[in-house]
């Protein structure tokens, strides 16, 4: 495969990612980065340290902080210093945050079904494998 073909594939990947992000927000009602935070909190009993969220979501700490500020403004999370170590910031879903999560979950599930259900399993497995390999190569290149 020629370099221009590889570039075209990466450009297609970028277009697909941007289209997915836009469609996700339109259907679910939340931007994907914000939704991922809410899912991570919900999966960990509704609370986590900010540092642990960075690790779980593999996001930049500054980007996470910006999203958390928005969630806090919406009243969906609360942040406070850890009682035992004030260097640690704990994040907790509020009742309003849990309600927002529960309201969006059926829309998220329907969106994923609508986008993925018609794809054959072998295609999804091939896509997953290719994305895993690409992710590993990107990590290797970034470590150099």
N, C-alpha and C. Protein backbone atom coordinates (compact mmCIF):
# COMPACT_ATOMS: atom_id res chain seq x y z
N UNK A 1 0.85 -1.18 0.00
CA UNK A 1 0.00 0.00 0.00
C UNK A 1 0.90 1.24 0.00
N UNK A 2 0.53 2.19 -0.77
CA UNK A 2 1.31 3.42 -0.89
C UNK A 2 1.02 4.35 0.29
N UNK A 3 1.96 5.27 0.52
CA UNK A 3 1.80 6.21 1.63
C UNK A 3 0.53 7.03 1.50
N UNK A 4 0.21 7.46 0.29
CA UNK A 4 -1.01 8.28 0.10
C UNK A 4 -2.27 7.48 0.45
N UNK A 5 -2.23 6.17 0.24
CA UNK A 5 -3.37 5.33 0.63
C UNK A 5 -3.50 5.26 2.15
N UNK A 6 -2.35 5.16 2.83
CA UNK A 6 -2.37 5.14 4.30
C UNK A 6 -2.89 6.46 4.85
N UNK A 7 -2.46 7.54 4.23
CA UNK A 7 -2.93 8.87 4.65
C UNK A 7 -4.44 8.98 4.45
N UNK A 8 -4.93 8.48 3.32
CA UNK A 8 -6.37 8.53 3.04
C UNK A 8 -7.15 7.74 4.08
N UNK A 9 -6.61 6.60 4.51
CA UNK A 9 -7.28 5.79 5.54
C UNK A 9 -7.34 6.55 6.86
N UNK A 10 -6.23 7.19 7.24
CA UNK A 10 -6.23 7.96 8.49
C UNK A 10 -7.17 9.15 8.40
N UNK A 11 -7.25 9.77 7.23
CA UNK A 11 -8.19 10.88 7.06
C UNK A 11 -9.63 10.39 7.18
N UNK A 12 -9.90 9.21 6.62
CA UNK A 12 -11.23 8.62 6.75
C UNK A 12 -11.54 8.32 8.21
N UNK A 13 -10.55 7.79 8.92
CA UNK A 13 -10.71 7.51 10.35
C UNK A 13 -11.08 8.80 11.09
N UNK A 14 -10.37 9.89 10.80
CA UNK A 14 -10.66 11.17 11.43
C UNK A 14 -12.06 11.67 11.13
N UNK A 15 -12.46 11.57 9.86
CA UNK A 15 -13.82 11.99 9.48
C UNK A 15 -14.88 11.15 10.20
N UNK A 16 -14.64 9.84 10.26
CA UNK A 16 -15.58 8.94 10.92
C UNK A 16 -15.69 9.27 12.40
N UNK A 17 -14.55 9.52 13.03
CA UNK A 17 -14.53 9.86 14.46
C UNK A 17 -15.31 11.16 14.71
N UNK A 18 -15.05 12.18 13.90
CA UNK A 18 -15.75 13.45 14.08
C UNK A 18 -17.26 13.30 13.84
N UNK A 19 -17.63 12.52 12.83
CA UNK A 19 -19.04 12.28 12.55
C UNK A 19 -19.69 11.52 13.71
N UNK A 20 -18.97 10.54 14.25
CA UNK A 20 -19.49 9.78 15.39
C UNK A 20 -19.71 10.69 16.58
N UNK A 21 -18.73 11.54 16.88
CA UNK A 21 -18.84 12.46 18.03
C UNK A 21 -20.06 13.37 17.88
N UNK A 22 -20.23 13.91 16.69
CA UNK A 22 -21.34 14.83 16.44
C UNK A 22 -22.69 14.11 16.54
N UNK A 23 -22.78 12.93 15.92
CA UNK A 23 -24.03 12.17 15.96
C UNK A 23 -24.33 11.69 17.37
N UNK A 24 -23.30 11.29 18.11
CA UNK A 24 -23.49 10.84 19.49
C UNK A 24 -24.13 11.95 20.31
N UNK A 25 -23.55 13.14 20.23
CA UNK A 25 -24.09 14.26 21.00
C UNK A 25 -25.52 14.59 20.59
N UNK A 26 -25.79 14.57 19.28
CA UNK A 26 -27.13 14.88 18.80
C UNK A 26 -28.17 13.87 19.29
N UNK A 27 -27.80 12.60 19.33
CA UNK A 27 -28.76 11.56 19.72
C UNK A 27 -28.84 11.35 21.23
N UNK A 28 -27.71 11.43 21.90
CA UNK A 28 -27.67 11.13 23.33
C UNK A 28 -27.97 12.37 24.17
N UNK A 29 -27.59 13.53 23.64
CA UNK A 29 -27.82 14.77 24.38
C UNK A 29 -26.63 15.20 25.21
N UNK A 30 -25.54 14.46 25.11
CA UNK A 30 -24.30 14.79 25.84
C UNK A 30 -23.12 14.59 24.91
N UNK A 31 -22.12 15.46 25.00
CA UNK A 31 -20.89 15.19 24.25
C UNK A 31 -20.23 13.92 24.80
N UNK A 32 -19.57 13.19 23.92
CA UNK A 32 -18.97 11.92 24.31
C UNK A 32 -17.98 12.05 25.47
N UNK A 33 -17.10 13.07 25.50
CA UNK A 33 -16.17 13.16 26.65
C UNK A 33 -16.90 13.28 27.99
N UNK A 34 -17.94 14.06 28.03
CA UNK A 34 -18.73 14.23 29.26
C UNK A 34 -19.43 12.92 29.62
N UNK A 35 -19.98 12.26 28.61
CA UNK A 35 -20.66 10.99 28.84
C UNK A 35 -19.70 9.94 29.40
N UNK A 36 -18.49 9.88 28.86
CA UNK A 36 -17.51 8.90 29.33
C UNK A 36 -17.19 9.10 30.81
N UNK A 37 -17.14 10.34 31.25
CA UNK A 37 -16.90 10.63 32.67
C UNK A 37 -18.06 10.11 33.51
N UNK A 38 -19.27 10.39 33.06
CA UNK A 38 -20.44 9.94 33.80
C UNK A 38 -20.50 8.41 33.88
N UNK A 39 -20.17 7.75 32.78
CA UNK A 39 -20.14 6.28 32.77
C UNK A 39 -19.09 5.76 33.75
N UNK A 40 -17.90 6.35 33.71
CA UNK A 40 -16.82 5.91 34.61
C UNK A 40 -17.24 6.08 36.06
N UNK A 41 -17.84 7.20 36.38
CA UNK A 41 -18.30 7.41 37.76
C UNK A 41 -19.38 6.40 38.13
N UNK A 42 -20.33 6.20 37.25
CA UNK A 42 -21.42 5.25 37.52
C UNK A 42 -20.87 3.84 37.72
N UNK A 43 -19.88 3.46 36.93
CA UNK A 43 -19.30 2.11 37.03
C UNK A 43 -18.46 1.93 38.29
N UNK A 44 -18.09 3.02 38.93
CA UNK A 44 -17.29 2.95 40.15
C UNK A 44 -18.07 3.44 41.36
N UNK A 45 -19.34 3.10 41.38
CA UNK A 45 -20.17 3.41 42.54
C UNK A 45 -20.55 4.87 42.68
N UNK A 46 -20.39 5.64 41.61
CA UNK A 46 -20.78 7.04 41.64
C UNK A 46 -19.70 7.99 42.10
N UNK A 47 -18.50 7.47 42.40
CA UNK A 47 -17.44 8.34 42.90
C UNK A 47 -16.07 7.81 42.50
N UNK A 48 -15.13 8.74 42.38
CA UNK A 48 -13.75 8.39 42.05
C UNK A 48 -12.87 9.60 42.33
N UNK A 49 -11.59 9.34 42.46
CA UNK A 49 -10.67 10.48 42.53
C UNK A 49 -10.47 11.00 41.10
N UNK A 50 -10.11 12.26 41.01
CA UNK A 50 -9.87 12.86 39.71
C UNK A 50 -8.69 12.16 39.03
N UNK A 51 -7.67 11.82 39.81
CA UNK A 51 -6.50 11.13 39.25
C UNK A 51 -6.89 9.78 38.67
N UNK A 52 -7.75 9.06 39.37
CA UNK A 52 -8.19 7.75 38.88
C UNK A 52 -9.00 7.90 37.59
N UNK A 53 -9.80 8.95 37.48
CA UNK A 53 -10.54 9.20 36.25
C UNK A 53 -9.60 9.43 35.07
N UNK A 54 -8.52 10.17 35.31
CA UNK A 54 -7.52 10.39 34.26
C UNK A 54 -6.99 9.05 33.77
N UNK A 55 -6.69 8.16 34.71
CA UNK A 55 -6.15 6.84 34.36
C UNK A 55 -7.19 5.98 33.65
N UNK A 56 -8.40 5.95 34.16
CA UNK A 56 -9.46 5.13 33.58
C UNK A 56 -9.80 5.56 32.16
N UNK A 57 -9.91 6.87 31.98
CA UNK A 57 -10.35 7.41 30.69
C UNK A 57 -9.21 7.68 29.72
N UNK A 58 -7.98 7.62 30.25
CA UNK A 58 -6.79 7.93 29.45
C UNK A 58 -6.94 9.28 28.73
N UNK A 59 -7.18 10.30 29.55
CA UNK A 59 -7.34 11.66 29.04
C UNK A 59 -6.34 12.59 29.71
N UNK A 60 -6.13 13.72 29.09
CA UNK A 60 -5.27 14.75 29.64
C UNK A 60 -5.92 15.32 30.91
N UNK A 61 -5.15 15.51 31.99
CA UNK A 61 -5.74 16.05 33.22
C UNK A 61 -6.44 17.39 33.02
N UNK A 62 -5.88 18.25 32.19
CA UNK A 62 -6.50 19.55 31.94
C UNK A 62 -7.84 19.41 31.24
N UNK A 63 -7.90 18.50 30.27
CA UNK A 63 -9.16 18.27 29.56
C UNK A 63 -10.22 17.71 30.51
N UNK A 64 -9.80 16.82 31.39
CA UNK A 64 -10.74 16.27 32.38
C UNK A 64 -11.26 17.38 33.29
N UNK A 65 -10.36 18.23 33.76
CA UNK A 65 -10.77 19.32 34.65
C UNK A 65 -11.80 20.22 33.97
N UNK A 66 -11.60 20.53 32.70
CA UNK A 66 -12.57 21.37 31.98
C UNK A 66 -13.94 20.70 31.92
N UNK A 67 -13.96 19.41 31.63
CA UNK A 67 -15.23 18.68 31.58
C UNK A 67 -15.88 18.62 32.97
N UNK A 68 -15.06 18.40 33.99
CA UNK A 68 -15.61 18.33 35.35
C UNK A 68 -16.20 19.67 35.77
N UNK A 69 -15.58 20.77 35.38
CA UNK A 69 -16.14 22.09 35.71
C UNK A 69 -17.52 22.25 35.09
N UNK A 70 -17.67 21.79 33.84
CA UNK A 70 -18.98 21.87 33.19
C UNK A 70 -20.00 21.00 33.91
N UNK A 71 -19.60 19.77 34.24
CA UNK A 71 -20.51 18.88 34.97
C UNK A 71 -20.88 19.45 36.33
N UNK A 72 -19.93 20.11 36.97
CA UNK A 72 -20.19 20.73 38.27
C UNK A 72 -21.17 21.89 38.12
N UNK A 73 -20.99 22.69 37.08
CA UNK A 73 -21.90 23.81 36.82
C UNK A 73 -23.32 23.31 36.56
N UNK A 74 -23.43 22.17 35.88
CA UNK A 74 -24.74 21.57 35.63
C UNK A 74 -25.36 20.98 36.89
N UNK A 75 -24.55 20.84 37.94
CA UNK A 75 -25.03 20.25 39.18
C UNK A 75 -25.03 18.73 39.16
N UNK A 76 -24.29 18.14 38.23
CA UNK A 76 -24.30 16.69 38.06
C UNK A 76 -23.19 15.99 38.84
N UNK A 77 -22.18 16.74 39.26
CA UNK A 77 -21.12 16.18 40.10
C UNK A 77 -20.80 17.18 41.20
N UNK A 78 -20.12 16.67 42.21
CA UNK A 78 -19.52 17.51 43.25
C UNK A 78 -18.06 17.10 43.35
N UNK A 79 -17.21 18.09 43.56
CA UNK A 79 -15.78 17.82 43.76
C UNK A 79 -15.39 18.36 45.12
N UNK A 80 -14.54 17.59 45.81
CA UNK A 80 -14.03 18.07 47.09
C UNK A 80 -12.69 17.41 47.37
N UNK A 81 -11.90 18.11 48.18
CA UNK A 81 -10.60 17.56 48.57
C UNK A 81 -10.82 16.35 49.46
N UNK A 82 -9.96 15.36 49.29
CA UNK A 82 -10.02 14.15 50.10
C UNK A 82 -9.72 14.50 51.55
N UNK A 83 -10.50 13.94 52.47
CA UNK A 83 -10.33 14.24 53.90
C UNK A 83 -8.97 13.78 54.43
N UNK A 84 -8.43 12.71 53.88
CA UNK A 84 -7.14 12.18 54.36
C UNK A 84 -5.94 12.78 53.64
N UNK A 85 -6.16 13.27 52.40
CA UNK A 85 -5.06 13.81 51.61
C UNK A 85 -5.61 14.94 50.75
N UNK A 86 -5.39 16.18 51.18
CA UNK A 86 -6.00 17.31 50.48
C UNK A 86 -5.40 17.55 49.10
N UNK A 87 -4.39 16.78 48.71
CA UNK A 87 -3.86 16.87 47.35
C UNK A 87 -4.74 16.11 46.36
N UNK A 88 -5.59 15.25 46.88
CA UNK A 88 -6.47 14.42 46.06
C UNK A 88 -7.84 15.07 45.98
N UNK A 89 -8.36 15.17 44.76
CA UNK A 89 -9.71 15.68 44.57
C UNK A 89 -10.64 14.52 44.24
N UNK A 90 -11.68 14.38 45.02
CA UNK A 90 -12.68 13.33 44.79
C UNK A 90 -13.85 13.91 44.01
N UNK A 91 -14.39 13.10 43.13
CA UNK A 91 -15.51 13.49 42.27
C UNK A 91 -16.65 12.53 42.55
N UNK A 92 -17.85 13.08 42.69
CA UNK A 92 -19.01 12.25 43.02
C UNK A 92 -20.21 12.69 42.18
N UNK A 93 -20.91 11.71 41.61
CA UNK A 93 -22.17 12.01 40.93
C UNK A 93 -23.20 12.47 41.95
N UNK A 94 -23.94 13.50 41.62
CA UNK A 94 -25.05 13.94 42.46
C UNK A 94 -26.31 13.19 42.04
N UNK A 95 -27.38 13.38 42.77
CA UNK A 95 -28.66 12.78 42.38
C UNK A 95 -29.06 13.29 40.99
N UNK A 96 -28.85 14.57 40.74
CA UNK A 96 -29.17 15.13 39.42
C UNK A 96 -28.29 14.49 38.35
N UNK A 97 -27.04 14.23 38.68
CA UNK A 97 -26.13 13.57 37.73
C UNK A 97 -26.56 12.15 37.43
N UNK A 98 -26.98 11.44 38.46
CA UNK A 98 -27.48 10.07 38.25
C UNK A 98 -28.75 10.09 37.40
N UNK A 99 -29.61 11.06 37.65
CA UNK A 99 -30.85 11.18 36.87
C UNK A 99 -30.53 11.49 35.41
N UNK A 100 -29.56 12.37 35.18
CA UNK A 100 -29.17 12.70 33.80
C UNK A 100 -28.58 11.46 33.12
N UNK A 101 -27.76 10.72 33.84
CA UNK A 101 -27.18 9.49 33.30
C UNK A 101 -28.29 8.52 32.91
N UNK A 102 -29.22 8.29 33.83
CA UNK A 102 -30.31 7.34 33.57
C UNK A 102 -31.19 7.79 32.41
N UNK A 103 -31.38 9.10 32.26
CA UNK A 103 -32.19 9.62 31.16
C UNK A 103 -31.49 9.43 29.81
N UNK A 104 -30.17 9.55 29.80
CA UNK A 104 -29.41 9.46 28.55
C UNK A 104 -29.09 8.02 28.15
N UNK A 105 -29.05 7.11 29.11
CA UNK A 105 -28.62 5.74 28.83
C UNK A 105 -29.44 5.05 27.75
N UNK A 106 -30.77 5.12 27.77
CA UNK A 106 -31.53 4.48 26.69
C UNK A 106 -31.23 5.08 25.31
N UNK A 107 -31.01 6.39 25.26
CA UNK A 107 -30.66 7.04 23.98
C UNK A 107 -29.29 6.59 23.51
N UNK A 108 -28.35 6.44 24.45
CA UNK A 108 -27.02 5.94 24.10
C UNK A 108 -27.12 4.52 23.54
N UNK A 109 -27.87 3.68 24.23
CA UNK A 109 -28.02 2.30 23.79
C UNK A 109 -28.67 2.22 22.41
N UNK A 110 -29.69 3.03 22.18
CA UNK A 110 -30.36 3.04 20.88
C UNK A 110 -29.41 3.54 19.79
N UNK A 111 -28.64 4.57 20.10
CA UNK A 111 -27.68 5.10 19.12
C UNK A 111 -26.66 4.04 18.74
N UNK A 112 -26.09 3.37 19.73
CA UNK A 112 -25.10 2.33 19.44
C UNK A 112 -25.72 1.19 18.65
N UNK A 113 -26.94 0.82 18.99
CA UNK A 113 -27.62 -0.23 18.23
C UNK A 113 -27.81 0.21 16.78
N UNK A 114 -28.31 1.43 16.59
CA UNK A 114 -28.56 1.92 15.23
C UNK A 114 -27.29 2.01 14.39
N UNK A 115 -26.17 2.32 15.03
CA UNK A 115 -24.93 2.47 14.26
C UNK A 115 -24.18 1.16 14.07
N UNK A 116 -24.37 0.20 14.96
CA UNK A 116 -23.53 -1.00 14.92
C UNK A 116 -24.28 -2.29 14.57
N UNK A 117 -25.56 -2.37 14.83
CA UNK A 117 -26.28 -3.64 14.73
C UNK A 117 -26.27 -4.23 13.32
N UNK A 118 -26.27 -3.40 12.31
CA UNK A 118 -26.33 -3.93 10.94
C UNK A 118 -24.96 -4.37 10.41
N UNK A 119 -23.92 -4.13 11.18
CA UNK A 119 -22.58 -4.56 10.75
C UNK A 119 -22.37 -6.01 11.16
N UNK A 120 -21.94 -6.86 10.23
CA UNK A 120 -21.71 -8.27 10.57
C UNK A 120 -20.60 -8.42 11.62
N UNK A 121 -20.71 -9.47 12.41
CA UNK A 121 -19.72 -9.72 13.47
C UNK A 121 -18.30 -9.79 12.93
N UNK A 122 -18.11 -10.42 11.77
CA UNK A 122 -16.74 -10.53 11.24
C UNK A 122 -16.17 -9.16 10.89
N UNK A 123 -17.02 -8.25 10.43
CA UNK A 123 -16.56 -6.89 10.12
C UNK A 123 -16.21 -6.16 11.41
N UNK A 124 -17.05 -6.29 12.42
CA UNK A 124 -16.77 -5.65 13.71
C UNK A 124 -15.51 -6.21 14.34
N UNK A 125 -15.32 -7.51 14.27
CA UNK A 125 -14.10 -8.12 14.81
C UNK A 125 -12.86 -7.65 14.07
N UNK A 126 -12.95 -7.55 12.74
CA UNK A 126 -11.81 -7.06 11.95
C UNK A 126 -11.52 -5.60 12.29
N UNK A 127 -12.57 -4.80 12.43
CA UNK A 127 -12.39 -3.39 12.80
C UNK A 127 -11.75 -3.27 14.17
N UNK A 128 -12.22 -4.05 15.12
CA UNK A 128 -11.66 -4.01 16.47
C UNK A 128 -10.19 -4.39 16.45
N UNK A 129 -9.85 -5.42 15.72
CA UNK A 129 -8.45 -5.85 15.62
C UNK A 129 -7.58 -4.79 14.97
N UNK A 130 -8.08 -4.19 13.90
CA UNK A 130 -7.30 -3.16 13.21
C UNK A 130 -7.11 -1.94 14.11
N UNK A 131 -8.15 -1.54 14.82
CA UNK A 131 -8.03 -0.39 15.72
C UNK A 131 -7.07 -0.68 16.87
N UNK A 132 -7.10 -1.90 17.38
CA UNK A 132 -6.16 -2.27 18.45
C UNK A 132 -4.72 -2.19 17.96
N UNK A 133 -4.48 -2.69 16.76
CA UNK A 133 -3.12 -2.62 16.20
C UNK A 133 -2.70 -1.17 15.97
N UNK A 134 -3.61 -0.36 15.43
CA UNK A 134 -3.30 1.05 15.19
C UNK A 134 -3.02 1.77 16.50
N UNK A 135 -3.81 1.50 17.52
CA UNK A 135 -3.60 2.12 18.83
C UNK A 135 -2.23 1.75 19.39
N UNK A 136 -1.84 0.50 19.24
CA UNK A 136 -0.52 0.06 19.72
C UNK A 136 0.60 0.76 18.95
N UNK A 137 0.44 0.90 17.65
CA UNK A 137 1.47 1.56 16.84
C UNK A 137 1.59 3.04 17.19
N UNK A 138 0.45 3.67 17.43
CA UNK A 138 0.46 5.08 17.82
C UNK A 138 1.16 5.23 19.16
N UNK A 139 0.89 4.33 20.10
CA UNK A 139 1.55 4.38 21.41
C UNK A 139 3.05 4.18 21.25
N UNK A 140 3.46 3.25 20.40
CA UNK A 140 4.89 3.02 20.17
C UNK A 140 5.55 4.25 19.56
N UNK A 141 4.89 4.84 18.58
CA UNK A 141 5.45 6.03 17.92
C UNK A 141 5.53 7.20 18.90
N UNK A 142 4.53 7.31 19.76
CA UNK A 142 4.53 8.39 20.75
C UNK A 142 5.59 8.23 21.81
N UNK A 143 6.02 6.99 22.05
CA UNK A 143 7.04 6.72 23.07
C UNK A 143 8.45 6.97 22.57
N UNK A 144 8.60 7.15 21.28
CA UNK A 144 9.95 7.35 20.71
C UNK A 144 10.45 8.75 20.93
